[in-house]
Amino acid sequence: MSQSIIFNRIFLIFISLFIFFNMSSTYAMGRVQSDFDESDLPSLEEANQRCEVVLAIFNLEKLDGLINVIELSGIVRSLRDENKLPAKFVTKNQARELGWYPGQPFNEIAKLRGKSIGGDHFGNYERRLPEGNYREADLDYLGLKRNAKRLVYQGHEAMYVTIDHYKSFEQVPVCH
């Protein structure tokens, strides 16, 4: 196992624990506040369903820790709450209008720096997913060469991650 995978796993566990222990404001500077009410604490089931925790576990168990969980969590929340991708995503047509052509890094175009491709139709021609009207979005894109990681989604009802450019898919678990 490479050092980066080990580091990613330790980092994700740390983030998950940080989120879990900071979900309630009943603890301040290591002391219990005097107005402590146990009903303010989330149940273990609620804590386990937090998107960050659920997706960190999903990433470790199903994707070998290869996905940026913070980015994935933001995308999942945006699709769930607003029924659209975050503003950092542009379709291929929008990118072309800004001077991009396939194979060109976004970092070479000032208006596309910090952006990723997302929102275009995914054909599912190999029928590896259930029938549906899917769209796709790049994951972990750093502005250089596009990688093999994609989120394929149908609104917020069905979301799948591929880390091997559509050869296999893992369904994103439901989270809150």
N, C-alpha and C. Protein backbone atom coordinates (compact mmCIF):
# COMPACT_ATOMS: atom_id res chain seq x y z
N MET A 1 0.84 -1.17 0.00
CA MET A 1 0.00 0.00 0.00
C MET A 1 0.89 1.24 0.00
N SER A 2 0.62 2.18 -0.89
CA SER A 2 1.48 3.36 -1.01
C SER A 2 1.28 4.31 0.16
N GLN A 3 2.25 5.18 0.35
CA GLN A 3 2.17 6.15 1.44
C GLN A 3 1.01 7.10 1.25
N SER A 4 0.69 7.46 -0.01
CA SER A 4 -0.41 8.40 -0.24
C SER A 4 -1.74 7.77 0.13
N ILE A 5 -1.93 6.48 -0.14
CA ILE A 5 -3.19 5.82 0.23
C ILE A 5 -3.30 5.74 1.74
N ILE A 6 -2.21 5.40 2.42
CA ILE A 6 -2.23 5.35 3.88
C ILE A 6 -2.53 6.73 4.44
N PHE A 7 -1.87 7.76 3.90
CA PHE A 7 -2.13 9.13 4.36
C PHE A 7 -3.59 9.50 4.14
N ASN A 8 -4.14 9.19 2.95
CA ASN A 8 -5.54 9.51 2.65
C ASN A 8 -6.48 8.84 3.64
N ARG A 9 -6.22 7.58 3.96
CA ARG A 9 -7.09 6.86 4.90
C ARG A 9 -7.01 7.48 6.29
N ILE A 10 -5.83 7.79 6.75
CA ILE A 10 -5.69 8.42 8.06
C ILE A 10 -6.37 9.78 8.07
N PHE A 11 -6.18 10.55 7.00
CA PHE A 11 -6.80 11.87 6.89
C PHE A 11 -8.33 11.75 6.92
N LEU A 12 -8.89 10.80 6.19
CA LEU A 12 -10.34 10.63 6.15
C LEU A 12 -10.89 10.21 7.51
N ILE A 13 -10.18 9.34 8.19
CA ILE A 13 -10.62 8.94 9.52
C ILE A 13 -10.58 10.13 10.46
N PHE A 14 -9.52 10.94 10.38
CA PHE A 14 -9.42 12.14 11.21
C PHE A 14 -10.58 13.09 10.93
N ILE A 15 -10.86 13.35 9.64
CA ILE A 15 -11.97 14.24 9.27
C ILE A 15 -13.29 13.69 9.78
N SER A 16 -13.52 12.39 9.63
CA SER A 16 -14.76 11.78 10.10
C SER A 16 -14.92 11.95 11.60
N LEU A 17 -13.84 11.70 12.35
CA LEU A 17 -13.92 11.88 13.80
C LEU A 17 -14.13 13.34 14.18
N PHE A 18 -13.45 14.24 13.48
CA PHE A 18 -13.61 15.67 13.74
C PHE A 18 -15.07 16.08 13.53
N ILE A 19 -15.66 15.66 12.44
CA ILE A 19 -17.05 16.01 12.14
C ILE A 19 -17.97 15.42 13.21
N PHE A 20 -17.74 14.16 13.56
CA PHE A 20 -18.59 13.51 14.54
C PHE A 20 -18.56 14.24 15.88
N PHE A 21 -17.37 14.59 16.34
CA PHE A 21 -17.25 15.21 17.65
C PHE A 21 -17.62 16.69 17.66
N ASN A 22 -17.73 17.30 16.49
CA ASN A 22 -18.11 18.71 16.44
C ASN A 22 -19.55 18.91 15.99
N MET A 23 -20.33 17.86 15.95
CA MET A 23 -21.71 17.99 15.50
C MET A 23 -22.58 18.70 16.53
N SER A 24 -22.17 18.76 17.75
CA SER A 24 -22.93 19.41 18.80
C SER A 24 -22.07 20.47 19.46
N SER A 25 -22.70 21.55 19.85
CA SER A 25 -21.94 22.62 20.50
C SER A 25 -22.00 22.50 22.02
N THR A 26 -22.35 21.33 22.54
CA THR A 26 -22.47 21.19 23.99
C THR A 26 -21.13 21.10 24.68
N TYR A 27 -20.07 20.88 23.93
CA TYR A 27 -18.75 20.83 24.54
C TYR A 27 -17.96 22.04 24.11
N ALA A 28 -17.38 22.72 25.08
CA ALA A 28 -16.58 23.91 24.76
C ALA A 28 -15.28 23.81 25.54
N MET A 29 -14.19 23.83 24.82
CA MET A 29 -12.86 23.83 25.43
C MET A 29 -12.70 22.68 26.41
N GLY A 30 -13.28 21.52 26.10
CA GLY A 30 -13.09 20.34 26.93
C GLY A 30 -13.98 20.27 28.15
N ARG A 31 -14.86 21.24 28.33
CA ARG A 31 -15.76 21.23 29.50
C ARG A 31 -17.19 21.12 29.02
N VAL A 32 -18.00 20.42 29.78
CA VAL A 32 -19.41 20.32 29.47
C VAL A 32 -20.08 21.61 29.93
N GLN A 33 -20.86 22.21 29.05
CA GLN A 33 -21.57 23.43 29.43
C GLN A 33 -22.66 23.10 30.44
N SER A 34 -23.01 24.06 31.24
CA SER A 34 -23.97 23.80 32.31
C SER A 34 -25.37 23.55 31.79
N ASP A 35 -25.70 24.04 30.59
CA ASP A 35 -27.05 23.84 30.06
C ASP A 35 -27.10 22.61 29.15
N PHE A 36 -26.28 21.60 29.45
CA PHE A 36 -26.20 20.38 28.65
C PHE A 36 -27.54 19.68 28.62
N ASP A 37 -27.98 19.33 27.44
CA ASP A 37 -29.23 18.60 27.25
C ASP A 37 -28.95 17.47 26.28
N GLU A 38 -29.08 16.23 26.73
CA GLU A 38 -28.76 15.09 25.89
C GLU A 38 -29.57 15.07 24.61
N SER A 39 -30.75 15.68 24.61
CA SER A 39 -31.57 15.67 23.39
C SER A 39 -30.93 16.50 22.28
N ASP A 40 -29.95 17.38 22.63
CA ASP A 40 -29.25 18.15 21.61
C ASP A 40 -28.27 17.30 20.82
N LEU A 41 -27.84 16.19 21.40
CA LEU A 41 -26.88 15.33 20.72
C LEU A 41 -27.58 14.49 19.66
N PRO A 42 -26.93 14.32 18.51
CA PRO A 42 -27.54 13.45 17.51
C PRO A 42 -27.44 12.00 17.96
N SER A 43 -28.37 11.19 17.49
CA SER A 43 -28.27 9.77 17.79
C SER A 43 -27.10 9.19 17.00
N LEU A 44 -26.66 8.04 17.40
CA LEU A 44 -25.56 7.38 16.68
C LEU A 44 -25.96 7.14 15.23
N GLU A 45 -27.21 6.79 15.00
CA GLU A 45 -27.70 6.56 13.63
C GLU A 45 -27.63 7.85 12.81
N GLU A 46 -28.04 8.99 13.41
CA GLU A 46 -27.97 10.27 12.71
C GLU A 46 -26.53 10.65 12.40
N ALA A 47 -25.66 10.45 13.37
CA ALA A 47 -24.25 10.78 13.17
C ALA A 47 -23.65 9.93 12.06
N ASN A 48 -24.01 8.67 12.02
CA ASN A 48 -23.49 7.77 11.00
C ASN A 48 -24.03 8.08 9.61
N GLN A 49 -25.14 8.80 9.52
CA GLN A 49 -25.72 9.14 8.23
C GLN A 49 -25.22 10.48 7.70
N ARG A 50 -24.43 11.21 8.46
CA ARG A 50 -23.86 12.47 7.98
C ARG A 50 -23.11 12.19 6.70
N CYS A 51 -23.31 13.02 5.70
CA CYS A 51 -22.70 12.79 4.40
C CYS A 51 -21.19 12.59 4.47
N GLU A 52 -20.51 13.43 5.20
CA GLU A 52 -19.06 13.34 5.24
C GLU A 52 -18.61 12.00 5.78
N VAL A 53 -19.26 11.52 6.83
CA VAL A 53 -18.89 10.25 7.43
C VAL A 53 -19.25 9.10 6.49
N VAL A 54 -20.47 9.12 5.97
CA VAL A 54 -20.92 8.06 5.07
C VAL A 54 -20.02 7.99 3.84
N LEU A 55 -19.70 9.14 3.26
CA LEU A 55 -18.89 9.14 2.05
C LEU A 55 -17.43 8.80 2.32
N ALA A 56 -16.92 9.15 3.50
CA ALA A 56 -15.55 8.76 3.85
C ALA A 56 -15.46 7.25 3.97
N ILE A 57 -16.44 6.63 4.59
CA ILE A 57 -16.45 5.17 4.71
C ILE A 57 -16.62 4.53 3.33
N PHE A 58 -17.54 5.05 2.52
CA PHE A 58 -17.75 4.58 1.15
C PHE A 58 -16.45 4.66 0.35
N ASN A 59 -15.75 5.78 0.47
CA ASN A 59 -14.50 5.97 -0.25
C ASN A 59 -13.46 4.93 0.16
N LEU A 60 -13.33 4.69 1.45
CA LEU A 60 -12.34 3.72 1.92
C LEU A 60 -12.71 2.29 1.55
N GLU A 61 -13.98 1.94 1.73
CA GLU A 61 -14.40 0.55 1.51
C GLU A 61 -14.58 0.19 0.05
N LYS A 62 -15.09 1.11 -0.75
CA LYS A 62 -15.44 0.77 -2.14
C LYS A 62 -14.49 1.35 -3.18
N LEU A 63 -13.81 2.45 -2.84
CA LEU A 63 -13.00 3.16 -3.84
C LEU A 63 -11.52 3.22 -3.46
N ASP A 64 -11.11 2.42 -2.49
CA ASP A 64 -9.72 2.36 -2.05
C ASP A 64 -9.16 3.72 -1.63
N GLY A 65 -10.02 4.61 -1.18
CA GLY A 65 -9.57 5.92 -0.70
C GLY A 65 -9.09 6.85 -1.81
N LEU A 66 -9.54 6.62 -3.03
CA LEU A 66 -9.02 7.36 -4.18
C LEU A 66 -9.78 8.63 -4.54
N ILE A 67 -10.84 8.94 -3.83
CA ILE A 67 -11.68 10.10 -4.16
C ILE A 67 -11.53 11.17 -3.08
N ASN A 68 -11.58 12.44 -3.49
CA ASN A 68 -11.60 13.56 -2.56
C ASN A 68 -13.00 13.62 -1.95
N VAL A 69 -13.13 13.20 -0.71
CA VAL A 69 -14.43 13.10 -0.06
C VAL A 69 -15.08 14.46 0.14
N ILE A 70 -14.28 15.48 0.41
CA ILE A 70 -14.84 16.81 0.62
C ILE A 70 -15.51 17.30 -0.67
N GLU A 71 -14.85 17.10 -1.80
CA GLU A 71 -15.45 17.49 -3.08
C GLU A 71 -16.71 16.67 -3.36
N LEU A 72 -16.62 15.35 -3.18
CA LEU A 72 -17.77 14.48 -3.44
C LEU A 72 -18.95 14.86 -2.56
N SER A 73 -18.68 15.15 -1.29
CA SER A 73 -19.74 15.55 -0.36
C SER A 73 -20.42 16.83 -0.83
N GLY A 74 -19.64 17.81 -1.29
CA GLY A 74 -20.22 19.05 -1.80
C GLY A 74 -21.09 18.82 -3.02
N ILE A 75 -20.67 17.94 -3.90
CA ILE A 75 -21.45 17.63 -5.11
C ILE A 75 -22.74 16.93 -4.72
N VAL A 76 -22.64 15.93 -3.84
CA VAL A 76 -23.83 15.19 -3.41
C VAL A 76 -24.84 16.13 -2.75
N ARG A 77 -24.37 17.01 -1.87
CA ARG A 77 -25.26 17.96 -1.20
C ARG A 77 -25.91 18.92 -2.21
N SER A 78 -25.14 19.40 -3.17
CA SER A 78 -25.68 20.31 -4.16
C SER A 78 -26.74 19.64 -5.01
N LEU A 79 -26.49 18.41 -5.43
CA LEU A 79 -27.48 17.68 -6.22
C LEU A 79 -28.73 17.41 -5.39
N ARG A 80 -28.54 17.06 -4.12
CA ARG A 80 -29.67 16.77 -3.25
C ARG A 80 -30.48 18.03 -2.91
N ASP A 81 -29.79 19.11 -2.54
CA ASP A 81 -30.48 20.30 -2.04
C ASP A 81 -30.93 21.26 -3.14
N GLU A 82 -30.15 21.35 -4.23
CA GLU A 82 -30.44 22.32 -5.28
C GLU A 82 -30.75 21.69 -6.63
N ASN A 83 -30.62 20.36 -6.69
CA ASN A 83 -30.86 19.60 -7.91
C ASN A 83 -29.97 20.07 -9.07
N LYS A 84 -28.74 20.50 -8.73
CA LYS A 84 -27.78 20.89 -9.76
C LYS A 84 -26.37 20.73 -9.20
N LEU A 85 -25.40 20.69 -10.13
CA LEU A 85 -24.01 20.61 -9.74
C LEU A 85 -23.56 21.95 -9.14
N PRO A 86 -22.50 21.92 -8.33
CA PRO A 86 -21.93 23.19 -7.84
C PRO A 86 -21.46 24.07 -9.01
N ALA A 87 -21.29 25.34 -8.74
CA ALA A 87 -20.95 26.33 -9.77
C ALA A 87 -19.61 26.07 -10.45
N LYS A 88 -18.74 25.27 -9.86
CA LYS A 88 -17.43 25.02 -10.47
C LYS A 88 -17.52 24.17 -11.74
N PHE A 89 -18.67 23.58 -12.01
CA PHE A 89 -18.81 22.70 -13.16
C PHE A 89 -19.36 23.45 -14.38
N VAL A 90 -18.77 23.14 -15.53
CA VAL A 90 -19.25 23.66 -16.81
C VAL A 90 -19.40 22.48 -17.77
N THR A 91 -20.37 22.57 -18.67
CA THR A 91 -20.52 21.53 -19.66
C THR A 91 -19.42 21.65 -20.70
N LYS A 92 -19.27 20.63 -21.51
CA LYS A 92 -18.27 20.68 -22.58
C LYS A 92 -18.57 21.82 -23.55
N ASN A 93 -19.84 22.05 -23.85
CA ASN A 93 -20.19 23.16 -24.75
C ASN A 93 -19.84 24.51 -24.13
N GLN A 94 -20.12 24.68 -22.84
CA GLN A 94 -19.76 25.94 -22.18
C GLN A 94 -18.24 26.13 -22.21
N ALA A 95 -17.49 25.05 -21.99
CA ALA A 95 -16.03 25.14 -22.02
C ALA A 95 -15.54 25.49 -23.43
N ARG A 96 -16.15 24.91 -24.44
CA ARG A 96 -15.77 25.22 -25.83
C ARG A 96 -16.00 26.70 -26.14
N GLU A 97 -17.10 27.24 -25.63
CA GLU A 97 -17.39 28.66 -25.85
C GLU A 97 -16.33 29.56 -25.22
N LEU A 98 -15.62 29.03 -24.22
CA LEU A 98 -14.56 29.80 -23.55
C LEU A 98 -13.18 29.49 -24.13
N GLY A 99 -13.14 28.72 -25.23
CA GLY A 99 -11.89 28.47 -25.92
C GLY A 99 -11.27 27.10 -25.71
N TRP A 100 -11.93 26.23 -24.99
CA TRP A 100 -11.40 24.89 -24.72
C TRP A 100 -11.64 23.95 -25.89
N TYR A 101 -10.76 22.99 -26.05
CA TYR A 101 -10.97 21.88 -26.97
C TYR A 101 -10.56 20.61 -26.24
N PRO A 102 -11.15 19.44 -26.57
CA PRO A 102 -10.82 18.20 -25.86
C PRO A 102 -9.33 17.93 -25.85
N GLY A 103 -8.83 17.58 -24.69
CA GLY A 103 -7.41 17.30 -24.50
C GLY A 103 -6.63 18.48 -23.95
N GLN A 104 -7.21 19.67 -24.01
CA GLN A 104 -6.53 20.86 -23.51
C GLN A 104 -6.80 21.02 -22.01
N PRO A 105 -5.76 21.26 -21.22
CA PRO A 105 -5.97 21.48 -19.78
C PRO A 105 -6.72 22.77 -19.50
N PHE A 106 -7.63 22.74 -18.56
CA PHE A 106 -8.38 23.94 -18.17
C PHE A 106 -7.46 25.03 -17.64
N ASN A 107 -6.35 24.65 -17.00
CA ASN A 107 -5.42 25.64 -16.44
C ASN A 107 -4.83 26.56 -17.49
N GLU A 108 -4.88 26.16 -18.75
CA GLU A 108 -4.34 27.00 -19.82
C GLU A 108 -5.30 28.10 -20.24
N ILE A 109 -6.53 28.06 -19.74
CA ILE A 109 -7.55 29.05 -20.10
C ILE A 109 -7.99 29.76 -18.82
N ALA A 110 -7.71 31.04 -18.75
CA ALA A 110 -7.95 31.81 -17.51
C ALA A 110 -9.37 31.65 -16.99
N LYS A 111 -10.36 31.71 -17.86
CA LYS A 111 -11.76 31.64 -17.42
C LYS A 111 -12.18 30.25 -16.97
N LEU A 112 -11.35 29.25 -17.22
CA LEU A 112 -11.69 27.88 -16.83
C LEU A 112 -10.85 27.36 -15.65
N ARG A 113 -9.92 28.18 -15.16
CA ARG A 113 -9.12 27.76 -14.01
C ARG A 113 -10.04 27.53 -12.81
N GLY A 114 -9.84 26.41 -12.15
CA GLY A 114 -10.67 26.07 -10.99
C GLY A 114 -11.99 25.41 -11.36
N LYS A 115 -12.26 25.25 -12.63
CA LYS A 115 -13.51 24.63 -13.09
C LYS A 115 -13.27 23.16 -13.42
N SER A 116 -14.36 22.43 -13.58
CA SER A 116 -14.33 21.03 -14.00
C SER A 116 -15.46 20.81 -14.99
N ILE A 117 -15.32 19.76 -15.79
CA ILE A 117 -16.39 19.40 -16.72
C ILE A 117 -17.46 18.63 -15.98
N GLY A 118 -18.70 19.00 -16.20
CA GLY A 118 -19.81 18.29 -15.58
C GLY A 118 -21.14 18.78 -16.10
N GLY A 119 -22.10 17.86 -16.12
CA GLY A 119 -23.45 18.20 -16.55
C GLY A 119 -23.83 17.66 -17.92
N ASP A 120 -22.87 17.06 -18.62
CA ASP A 120 -23.16 16.50 -19.93
C ASP A 120 -23.86 15.14 -19.81
N HIS A 121 -24.57 14.77 -20.87
CA HIS A 121 -25.29 13.49 -20.93
C HIS A 121 -24.30 12.32 -20.86
N PHE A 122 -24.66 11.29 -20.10
CA PHE A 122 -23.91 10.04 -20.08
C PHE A 122 -24.79 8.98 -20.73
N GLY A 123 -24.29 8.36 -21.80
CA GLY A 123 -25.09 7.45 -22.61
C GLY A 123 -25.39 6.09 -22.02
N ASN A 124 -24.56 5.57 -21.14
CA ASN A 124 -24.75 4.23 -20.56
C ASN A 124 -24.89 3.18 -21.66
N TYR A 125 -24.13 3.32 -22.72
CA TYR A 125 -24.25 2.44 -23.88
C TYR A 125 -23.90 1.00 -23.57
N GLU A 126 -23.02 0.78 -22.61
CA GLU A 126 -22.64 -0.58 -22.23
C GLU A 126 -23.64 -1.21 -21.26
N ARG A 127 -24.62 -0.44 -20.85
CA ARG A 127 -25.69 -0.89 -19.94
C ARG A 127 -25.14 -1.42 -18.61
N ARG A 128 -24.13 -0.75 -18.08
CA ARG A 128 -23.58 -1.15 -16.79
C ARG A 128 -24.38 -0.57 -15.62
N LEU A 129 -25.25 0.38 -15.94
CA LEU A 129 -26.12 0.98 -14.93
C LEU A 129 -27.57 0.68 -15.30
N PRO A 130 -28.48 0.78 -14.32
CA PRO A 130 -29.90 0.62 -14.65
C PRO A 130 -30.32 1.68 -15.67
N GLU A 131 -31.38 1.40 -16.41
CA GLU A 131 -31.86 2.37 -17.39
C GLU A 131 -32.15 3.69 -16.72
N GLY A 132 -31.85 4.77 -17.44
CA GLY A 132 -32.12 6.09 -16.88
C GLY A 132 -31.54 7.17 -17.76
N ASN A 133 -31.80 8.40 -17.38
CA ASN A 133 -31.29 9.58 -18.08
C ASN A 133 -30.17 10.17 -17.22
N TYR A 134 -28.94 9.75 -17.48
CA TYR A 134 -27.81 10.10 -16.64
C TYR A 134 -27.01 11.28 -17.18
N ARG A 135 -26.35 11.95 -16.25
CA ARG A 135 -25.37 12.98 -16.55
C ARG A 135 -24.08 12.59 -15.84
N GLU A 136 -22.99 13.25 -16.21
CA GLU A 136 -21.71 12.92 -15.59
C GLU A 136 -20.95 14.16 -15.19
N ALA A 137 -20.03 13.97 -14.24
CA ALA A 137 -19.17 15.07 -13.78
C ALA A 137 -17.81 14.51 -13.42
N ASP A 138 -16.76 15.24 -13.80
CA ASP A 138 -15.39 14.85 -13.44
C ASP A 138 -15.21 14.97 -11.93
N LEU A 139 -14.45 14.05 -11.37
CA LEU A 139 -14.09 14.12 -9.95
C LEU A 139 -12.58 14.31 -9.83
N ASP A 140 -12.18 15.06 -8.84
CA ASP A 140 -10.76 15.26 -8.52
C ASP A 140 -9.96 15.85 -9.68
N TYR A 141 -10.59 16.70 -10.47
CA TYR A 141 -9.89 17.32 -11.60
C TYR A 141 -9.06 18.49 -11.08
N LEU A 142 -7.79 18.52 -11.42
CA LEU A 142 -6.88 19.54 -10.91
C LEU A 142 -6.44 20.54 -11.98
N GLY A 143 -7.14 20.56 -13.11
CA GLY A 143 -6.84 21.55 -14.14
C GLY A 143 -5.87 21.11 -15.20
N LEU A 144 -5.33 19.91 -15.07
CA LEU A 144 -4.39 19.42 -16.07
C LEU A 144 -5.09 18.37 -16.94
N LYS A 145 -4.53 17.21 -17.07
CA LYS A 145 -5.15 16.14 -17.86
C LYS A 145 -6.33 15.57 -17.07
N ARG A 146 -7.44 15.34 -17.76
CA ARG A 146 -8.60 14.73 -17.09
C ARG A 146 -8.24 13.30 -16.69
N ASN A 147 -8.75 12.89 -15.55
CA ASN A 147 -8.49 11.54 -15.07
C ASN A 147 -9.68 10.62 -15.35
N ALA A 148 -9.66 9.42 -14.81
CA ALA A 148 -10.70 8.42 -15.07
C ALA A 148 -11.85 8.48 -14.08
N LYS A 149 -11.81 9.39 -13.12
CA LYS A 149 -12.82 9.43 -12.05
C LYS A 149 -14.02 10.29 -12.48
N ARG A 150 -15.21 9.71 -12.36
CA ARG A 150 -16.43 10.43 -12.72
C ARG A 150 -17.54 10.10 -11.72
N LEU A 151 -18.43 11.07 -11.55
CA LEU A 151 -19.69 10.84 -10.87
C LEU A 151 -20.73 10.78 -11.98
N VAL A 152 -21.49 9.71 -12.03
CA VAL A 152 -22.58 9.57 -13.00
C VAL A 152 -23.86 9.62 -12.16
N TYR A 153 -24.77 10.48 -12.54
CA TYR A 153 -25.93 10.73 -11.68
C TYR A 153 -27.20 10.95 -12.48
N GLN A 154 -28.30 10.73 -11.81
CA GLN A 154 -29.64 10.99 -12.32
C GLN A 154 -30.32 11.80 -11.22
N GLY A 155 -30.16 13.12 -11.28
CA GLY A 155 -30.63 13.96 -10.19
C GLY A 155 -29.93 13.53 -8.91
N HIS A 156 -30.66 13.57 -7.81
CA HIS A 156 -30.06 13.10 -6.55
C HIS A 156 -30.57 11.69 -6.21
N GLU A 157 -31.41 11.14 -7.07
CA GLU A 157 -31.99 9.82 -6.80
C GLU A 157 -30.98 8.70 -6.97
N ALA A 158 -30.13 8.80 -7.98
CA ALA A 158 -29.18 7.73 -8.26
C ALA A 158 -27.84 8.35 -8.63
N MET A 159 -26.82 8.01 -7.85
CA MET A 159 -25.47 8.52 -8.11
C MET A 159 -24.49 7.36 -8.04
N TYR A 160 -23.56 7.35 -8.99
CA TYR A 160 -22.55 6.29 -9.06
C TYR A 160 -21.19 6.93 -9.29
N VAL A 161 -20.15 6.31 -8.74
CA VAL A 161 -18.78 6.75 -8.95
C VAL A 161 -18.04 5.67 -9.73
N THR A 162 -17.28 6.10 -10.72
CA THR A 162 -16.35 5.21 -11.40
C THR A 162 -14.96 5.80 -11.25
N ILE A 163 -14.00 4.96 -10.92
CA ILE A 163 -12.62 5.41 -10.80
C ILE A 163 -11.77 4.81 -11.92
N ASP A 164 -12.42 4.04 -12.79
CA ASP A 164 -11.70 3.37 -13.88
C ASP A 164 -12.33 3.68 -15.25
N HIS A 165 -12.80 4.90 -15.40
CA HIS A 165 -13.38 5.39 -16.66
C HIS A 165 -14.46 4.47 -17.21
N TYR A 166 -15.50 4.27 -16.41
CA TYR A 166 -16.73 3.58 -16.79
C TYR A 166 -16.65 2.07 -16.88
N LYS A 167 -15.55 1.46 -16.47
CA LYS A 167 -15.47 0.00 -16.49
C LYS A 167 -16.30 -0.61 -15.37
N SER A 168 -16.31 0.06 -14.21
CA SER A 168 -17.11 -0.40 -13.09
C SER A 168 -17.66 0.81 -12.35
N PHE A 169 -18.74 0.59 -11.61
CA PHE A 169 -19.41 1.66 -10.88
C PHE A 169 -19.72 1.21 -9.47
N GLU A 170 -19.67 2.15 -8.55
CA GLU A 170 -20.11 1.93 -7.18
C GLU A 170 -21.19 2.96 -6.88
N GLN A 171 -22.33 2.48 -6.38
CA GLN A 171 -23.44 3.39 -6.08
C GLN A 171 -23.11 4.19 -4.82
N VAL A 172 -23.32 5.50 -4.91
CA VAL A 172 -23.09 6.39 -3.78
C VAL A 172 -24.20 6.15 -2.75
N PRO A 173 -23.83 5.90 -1.50
CA PRO A 173 -24.87 5.65 -0.49
C PRO A 173 -25.66 6.92 -0.16
N VAL A 174 -26.87 6.71 0.30
CA VAL A 174 -27.72 7.82 0.71
C VAL A 174 -27.18 8.41 2.00
N CYS A 175 -27.15 9.73 2.07
CA CYS A 175 -26.67 10.39 3.28
C CYS A 175 -27.42 11.70 3.46
N HIS A 176 -27.28 12.30 4.64
CA HIS A 176 -28.01 13.54 4.97
C HIS A 176 -27.08 14.67 5.26
